[in-house]
Amino acid sequence: MKINTIPLKIVVSVIMIITVMLSIIFGIGIWDIFHKPDILFIKVLFYFSFLISLLLNLVSCSQVYKILKYMDKDVIFTKQIQGIINRIKKITYAVFVVLWGIFPMMYHAAMITKVYATIPIALVFIFSPLILSTFTAVIEQLLRKIIEIKSENDLTV
């Protein structure tokens, strides 16, 4: 079964381009912070958390692109794909941990501005990679079962 992956590759490429642009912007922000006398640890943690999470997302997008290339070769249900999905799951766990670094800045901003609604919004933003990693773990388990069924069918034929 041949799947047309060109639209998916375009979407992943656009996401990667946006991620690179945001990484450059946050890199400039980090550069500006270190040249100002009022370096706050919370600001530095905020910018570094976003930068590291963007770079991890870039790695994750490259892994998704690799899966799409395997789909073009019609090699879908293999151990290589399962390994790539496992890597994506680990990367999304890492993004979840890294994004906890933005929470002190969001809490500080909420206390200064008295806009407490930003805290739940920040928590939704922080927990979204955890939801993605759970989904990826489910996909990994499904793929593992499919590979087992495929290997049993290959043995019977």
C-alpha atoms as a PDB file:
ATOM      1  CA  MET A   1       0.000   0.000   0.000  1.00  0.00           C
ATOM      2  CA  LYS A   2       1.583   3.240  -1.140  1.00  0.00           C
ATOM      3  CA  ILE A   3       0.897   6.256   1.048  1.00  0.00           C
ATOM      4  CA  ASN A   4       1.378   9.793  -0.254  1.00  0.00           C
ATOM      5  CA  THR A   5       3.611  11.409   2.377  1.00  0.00           C
ATOM      6  CA  ILE A   6       4.460  14.603   0.505  1.00  0.00           C
ATOM      7  CA  PRO A   7       1.871  16.763   2.351  1.00  0.00           C
ATOM      8  CA  LEU A   8       3.073  15.379   5.675  1.00  0.00           C
ATOM      9  CA  LYS A   9       6.689  16.063   4.747  1.00  0.00           C
ATOM     10  CA  ILE A  10       5.779  19.637   3.825  1.00  0.00           C
ATOM     11  CA  VAL A  11       4.040  20.142   7.169  1.00  0.00           C
ATOM     12  CA  VAL A  12       6.986  18.678   9.101  1.00  0.00           C
ATOM     13  CA  SER A  13       9.401  20.850   7.103  1.00  0.00           C
ATOM     14  CA  VAL A  14       7.372  23.991   7.864  1.00  0.00           C
ATOM     15  CA  ILE A  15       7.323  23.076  11.562  1.00  0.00           C
ATOM     16  CA  MET A  16      11.096  22.576  11.463  1.00  0.00           C
ATOM     17  CA  ILE A  17      11.616  25.963   9.773  1.00  0.00           C
ATOM     18  CA  ILE A  18       9.440  27.700  12.371  1.00  0.00           C
ATOM     19  CA  THR A  19      11.337  25.897  15.140  1.00  0.00           C
ATOM     20  CA  VAL A  20      14.679  27.055  13.752  1.00  0.00           C
ATOM     21  CA  MET A  21      13.410  30.641  13.489  1.00  0.00           C
ATOM     22  CA  LEU A  22      12.121  30.577  17.069  1.00  0.00           C
ATOM     23  CA  SER A  23      15.423  29.093  18.239  1.00  0.00           C
ATOM     24  CA  ILE A  24      17.273  31.984  16.606  1.00  0.00           C
ATOM     25  CA  ILE A  25      14.922  34.487  18.250  1.00  0.00           C
ATOM     26  CA  PHE A  26      15.382  32.899  21.682  1.00  0.00           C
ATOM     27  CA  GLY A  27      19.128  32.732  21.095  1.00  0.00           C
ATOM     28  CA  ILE A  28      19.126  36.482  20.475  1.00  0.00           C
ATOM     29  CA  GLY A  29      17.032  36.916  23.633  1.00  0.00           C
ATOM     30  CA  ILE A  30      19.579  34.956  25.661  1.00  0.00           C
ATOM     31  CA  TRP A  31      22.381  37.028  24.148  1.00  0.00           C
ATOM     32  CA  ASP A  32      20.586  40.256  25.131  1.00  0.00           C
ATOM     33  CA  ILE A  33      19.968  39.041  28.679  1.00  0.00           C
ATOM     34  CA  PHE A  34      23.649  38.426  29.302  1.00  0.00           C
ATOM     35  CA  HIS A  35      24.529  41.941  28.151  1.00  0.00           C
ATOM     36  CA  LYS A  36      22.140  43.644  30.552  1.00  0.00           C
ATOM     37  CA  PRO A  37      23.063  44.318  34.158  1.00  0.00           C
ATOM     38  CA  ASP A  38      19.765  42.998  35.562  1.00  0.00           C
ATOM     39  CA  ILE A  39      20.310  39.303  34.909  1.00  0.00           C
ATOM     40  CA  LEU A  40      17.590  37.405  36.667  1.00  0.00           C
ATOM     41  CA  PHE A  41      17.888  33.676  37.112  1.00  0.00           C
ATOM     42  CA  ILE A  42      14.203  33.297  36.249  1.00  0.00           C
ATOM     43  CA  LYS A  43      14.682  35.029  32.877  1.00  0.00           C
ATOM     44  CA  VAL A  44      17.699  32.916  32.043  1.00  0.00           C
ATOM     45  CA  LEU A  45      15.851  29.738  33.036  1.00  0.00           C
ATOM     46  CA  PHE A  46      12.859  30.806  30.933  1.00  0.00           C
ATOM     47  CA  TYR A  47      14.885  31.449  27.790  1.00  0.00           C
ATOM     48  CA  PHE A  48      17.064  28.363  28.175  1.00  0.00           C
ATOM     49  CA  SER A  49      14.001  26.178  28.798  1.00  0.00           C
ATOM     50  CA  PHE A  50      12.344  27.408  25.643  1.00  0.00           C
ATOM     51  CA  LEU A  51      15.534  27.111  23.616  1.00  0.00           C
ATOM     52  CA  ILE A  52      16.252  23.563  24.776  1.00  0.00           C
ATOM     53  CA  SER A  53      12.633  22.514  24.215  1.00  0.00           C
ATOM     54  CA  LEU A  54      12.717  23.992  20.712  1.00  0.00           C
ATOM     55  CA  LEU A  55      15.903  22.103  19.906  1.00  0.00           C
ATOM     56  CA  LEU A  56      14.413  18.880  21.286  1.00  0.00           C
ATOM     57  CA  ASN A  57      11.314  19.470  19.158  1.00  0.00           C
ATOM     58  CA  LEU A  58      13.576  19.936  16.149  1.00  0.00           C
ATOM     59  CA  VAL A  59      15.152  16.538  16.837  1.00  0.00           C
ATOM     60  CA  SER A  60      11.682  15.043  17.257  1.00  0.00           C
ATOM     61  CA  CYS A  61      10.545  16.514  13.928  1.00  0.00           C
ATOM     62  CA  SER A  62      13.603  15.061  12.219  1.00  0.00           C
ATOM     63  CA  GLN A  63      12.682  11.647  13.640  1.00  0.00           C
ATOM     64  CA  VAL A  64       9.133  12.042  12.283  1.00  0.00           C
ATOM     65  CA  TYR A  65      10.614  12.973   8.908  1.00  0.00           C
ATOM     66  CA  LYS A  66      12.702   9.799   9.067  1.00  0.00           C
ATOM     67  CA  ILE A  67       9.526   7.764   9.683  1.00  0.00           C
ATOM     68  CA  LEU A  68       7.938   9.416   6.642  1.00  0.00           C
ATOM     69  CA  LYS A  69      10.946   8.424   4.521  1.00  0.00           C
ATOM     70  CA  TYR A  70      10.548   4.828   5.717  1.00  0.00           C
ATOM     71  CA  MET A  71       6.874   5.030   4.750  1.00  0.00           C
ATOM     72  CA  ASP A  72       7.905   6.073   1.234  1.00  0.00           C
ATOM     73  CA  LYS A  73      10.051   2.942   1.043  1.00  0.00           C
ATOM     74  CA  ASP A  74       7.014   0.933   2.250  1.00  0.00           C
ATOM     75  CA  VAL A  75       8.907  -0.246   5.321  1.00  0.00           C
ATOM     76  CA  ILE A  76       6.426   0.615   8.033  1.00  0.00           C
ATOM     77  CA  PHE A  77       6.071  -2.244  10.518  1.00  0.00           C
ATOM     78  CA  THR A  78       9.696  -2.830  11.499  1.00  0.00           C
ATOM     79  CA  LYS A  79      11.909  -2.621  14.550  1.00  0.00           C
ATOM     80  CA  GLN A  80      13.573   0.536  13.147  1.00  0.00           C
ATOM     81  CA  ILE A  81      10.256   2.381  13.187  1.00  0.00           C
ATOM     82  CA  GLN A  82       9.605   1.078  16.681  1.00  0.00           C
ATOM     83  CA  GLY A  83      13.010   2.407  17.792  1.00  0.00           C
ATOM     84  CA  ILE A  84      12.306   5.804  16.242  1.00  0.00           C
ATOM     85  CA  ILE A  85       8.926   5.990  17.973  1.00  0.00           C
ATOM     86  CA  ASN A  86      10.629   5.068  21.260  1.00  0.00           C
ATOM     87  CA  ARG A  87      13.115   7.920  20.715  1.00  0.00           C
ATOM     88  CA  ILE A  88      10.273  10.348  20.011  1.00  0.00           C
ATOM     89  CA  LYS A  89       8.578   9.237  23.231  1.00  0.00           C
ATOM     90  CA  LYS A  90      11.759   9.856  25.228  1.00  0.00           C
ATOM     91  CA  ILE A  91      12.248  13.257  23.584  1.00  0.00           C
ATOM     92  CA  THR A  92       8.716  14.332  24.487  1.00  0.00           C
ATOM     93  CA  TYR A  93       9.322  13.258  28.089  1.00  0.00           C
ATOM     94  CA  ALA A  94      12.474  15.392  28.040  1.00  0.00           C
ATOM     95  CA  VAL A  95      10.543  18.362  26.622  1.00  0.00           C
ATOM     96  CA  PHE A  96       8.032  18.007  29.465  1.00  0.00           C
ATOM     97  CA  VAL A  97      10.829  18.099  32.045  1.00  0.00           C
ATOM     98  CA  VAL A  98      12.570  21.031  30.360  1.00  0.00           C
ATOM     99  CA  LEU A  99       9.381  23.067  30.077  1.00  0.00           C
ATOM    100  CA  TRP A 100       9.020  23.031  33.853  1.00  0.00           C
ATOM    101  CA  GLY A 101      11.701  25.724  33.643  1.00  0.00           C
ATOM    102  CA  ILE A 102       9.173  28.230  32.295  1.00  0.00           C
ATOM    103  CA  PHE A 103       6.844  27.806  35.250  1.00  0.00           C
ATOM    104  CA  PRO A 104       8.766  30.074  37.683  1.00  0.00           C
ATOM    105  CA  MET A 105       8.725  32.897  35.118  1.00  0.00           C
ATOM    106  CA  MET A 106       5.011  32.446  34.458  1.00  0.00           C
ATOM    107  CA  TYR A 107       4.290  32.358  38.187  1.00  0.00           C
ATOM    108  CA  HIS A 108       6.413  35.474  38.726  1.00  0.00           C
ATOM    109  CA  ALA A 109       4.635  37.276  35.872  1.00  0.00           C
ATOM    110  CA  ALA A 110       1.241  36.268  37.282  1.00  0.00           C
ATOM    111  CA  MET A 111       2.137  37.616  40.714  1.00  0.00           C
ATOM    112  CA  ILE A 112       3.432  40.923  39.326  1.00  0.00           C
ATOM    113  CA  THR A 113       0.552  41.575  36.937  1.00  0.00           C
ATOM    114  CA  LYS A 114      -2.145  40.038  39.150  1.00  0.00           C
ATOM    115  CA  VAL A 115      -3.361  38.061  36.131  1.00  0.00           C
ATOM    116  CA  TYR A 116      -3.636  34.645  37.694  1.00  0.00           C
ATOM    117  CA  ALA A 117      -5.224  33.056  34.618  1.00  0.00           C
ATOM    118  CA  THR A 118      -1.763  32.729  33.065  1.00  0.00           C
ATOM    119  CA  ILE A 119      -0.851  29.961  35.517  1.00  0.00           C
ATOM    120  CA  PRO A 120      -3.370  27.386  34.185  1.00  0.00           C
ATOM    121  CA  ILE A 121      -2.480  28.387  30.628  1.00  0.00           C
ATOM    122  CA  ALA A 122       1.196  27.789  31.395  1.00  0.00           C
ATOM    123  CA  LEU A 123       0.357  24.427  32.960  1.00  0.00           C
ATOM    124  CA  VAL A 124      -1.551  23.397  29.831  1.00  0.00           C
ATOM    125  CA  PHE A 125       1.456  24.424  27.756  1.00  0.00           C
ATOM    126  CA  ILE A 126       3.810  22.497  30.055  1.00  0.00           C
ATOM    127  CA  PHE A 127       1.707  19.315  30.177  1.00  0.00           C
ATOM    128  CA  SER A 128       1.022  19.097  26.430  1.00  0.00           C
ATOM    129  CA  PRO A 129       4.285  17.186  25.727  1.00  0.00           C
ATOM    130  CA  LEU A 130       3.286  14.682  28.415  1.00  0.00           C
ATOM    131  CA  ILE A 131       0.038  14.045  26.555  1.00  0.00           C
ATOM    132  CA  LEU A 132       1.993  13.595  23.326  1.00  0.00           C
ATOM    133  CA  SER A 133       4.393  11.164  24.978  1.00  0.00           C
ATOM    134  CA  THR A 134       1.459   9.136  26.295  1.00  0.00           C
ATOM    135  CA  PHE A 135      -0.006   9.010  22.792  1.00  0.00           C
ATOM    136  CA  THR A 136       3.391   7.986  21.426  1.00  0.00           C
ATOM    137  CA  ALA A 137       3.640   5.212  24.025  1.00  0.00           C
ATOM    138  CA  VAL A 138       0.236   3.899  22.927  1.00  0.00           C
ATOM    139  CA  ILE A 139       1.339   3.987  19.281  1.00  0.00           C
ATOM    140  CA  GLU A 140       4.542   2.160  20.248  1.00  0.00           C
ATOM    141  CA  GLN A 141       2.569  -0.606  21.981  1.00  0.00           C
ATOM    142  CA  LEU A 142       0.253  -0.938  18.976  1.00  0.00           C
ATOM    143  CA  LEU A 143       3.248  -1.157  16.654  1.00  0.00           C
ATOM    144  CA  ARG A 144       4.839  -3.805  18.882  1.00  0.00           C
ATOM    145  CA  LYS A 145       1.660  -5.925  18.669  1.00  0.00           C
ATOM    146  CA  ILE A 146       1.460  -5.432  14.897  1.00  0.00           C
ATOM    147  CA  ILE A 147       5.088  -6.535  14.499  1.00  0.00           C
ATOM    148  CA  GLU A 148       4.395  -9.642  16.607  1.00  0.00           C
ATOM    149  CA  ILE A 149       1.335 -10.517  14.512  1.00  0.00           C
ATOM    150  CA  LYS A 150       3.283  -9.883  11.303  1.00  0.00           C
ATOM    151  CA  SER A 151       6.144 -12.137  12.408  1.00  0.00           C
ATOM    152  CA  GLU A 152       3.666 -14.901  13.347  1.00  0.00           C
ATOM    153  CA  ASN A 153       2.029 -14.592   9.931  1.00  0.00           C
ATOM    154  CA  ASP A 154       5.423 -14.711   8.214  1.00  0.00           C
ATOM    155  CA  LEU A 155       6.227 -17.927  10.075  1.00  0.00           C
ATOM    156  CA  THR A 156       2.960 -19.602   9.082  1.00  0.00           C
ATOM    157  CA  VAL A 157       3.326 -18.760   5.403  1.00  0.00           C
END
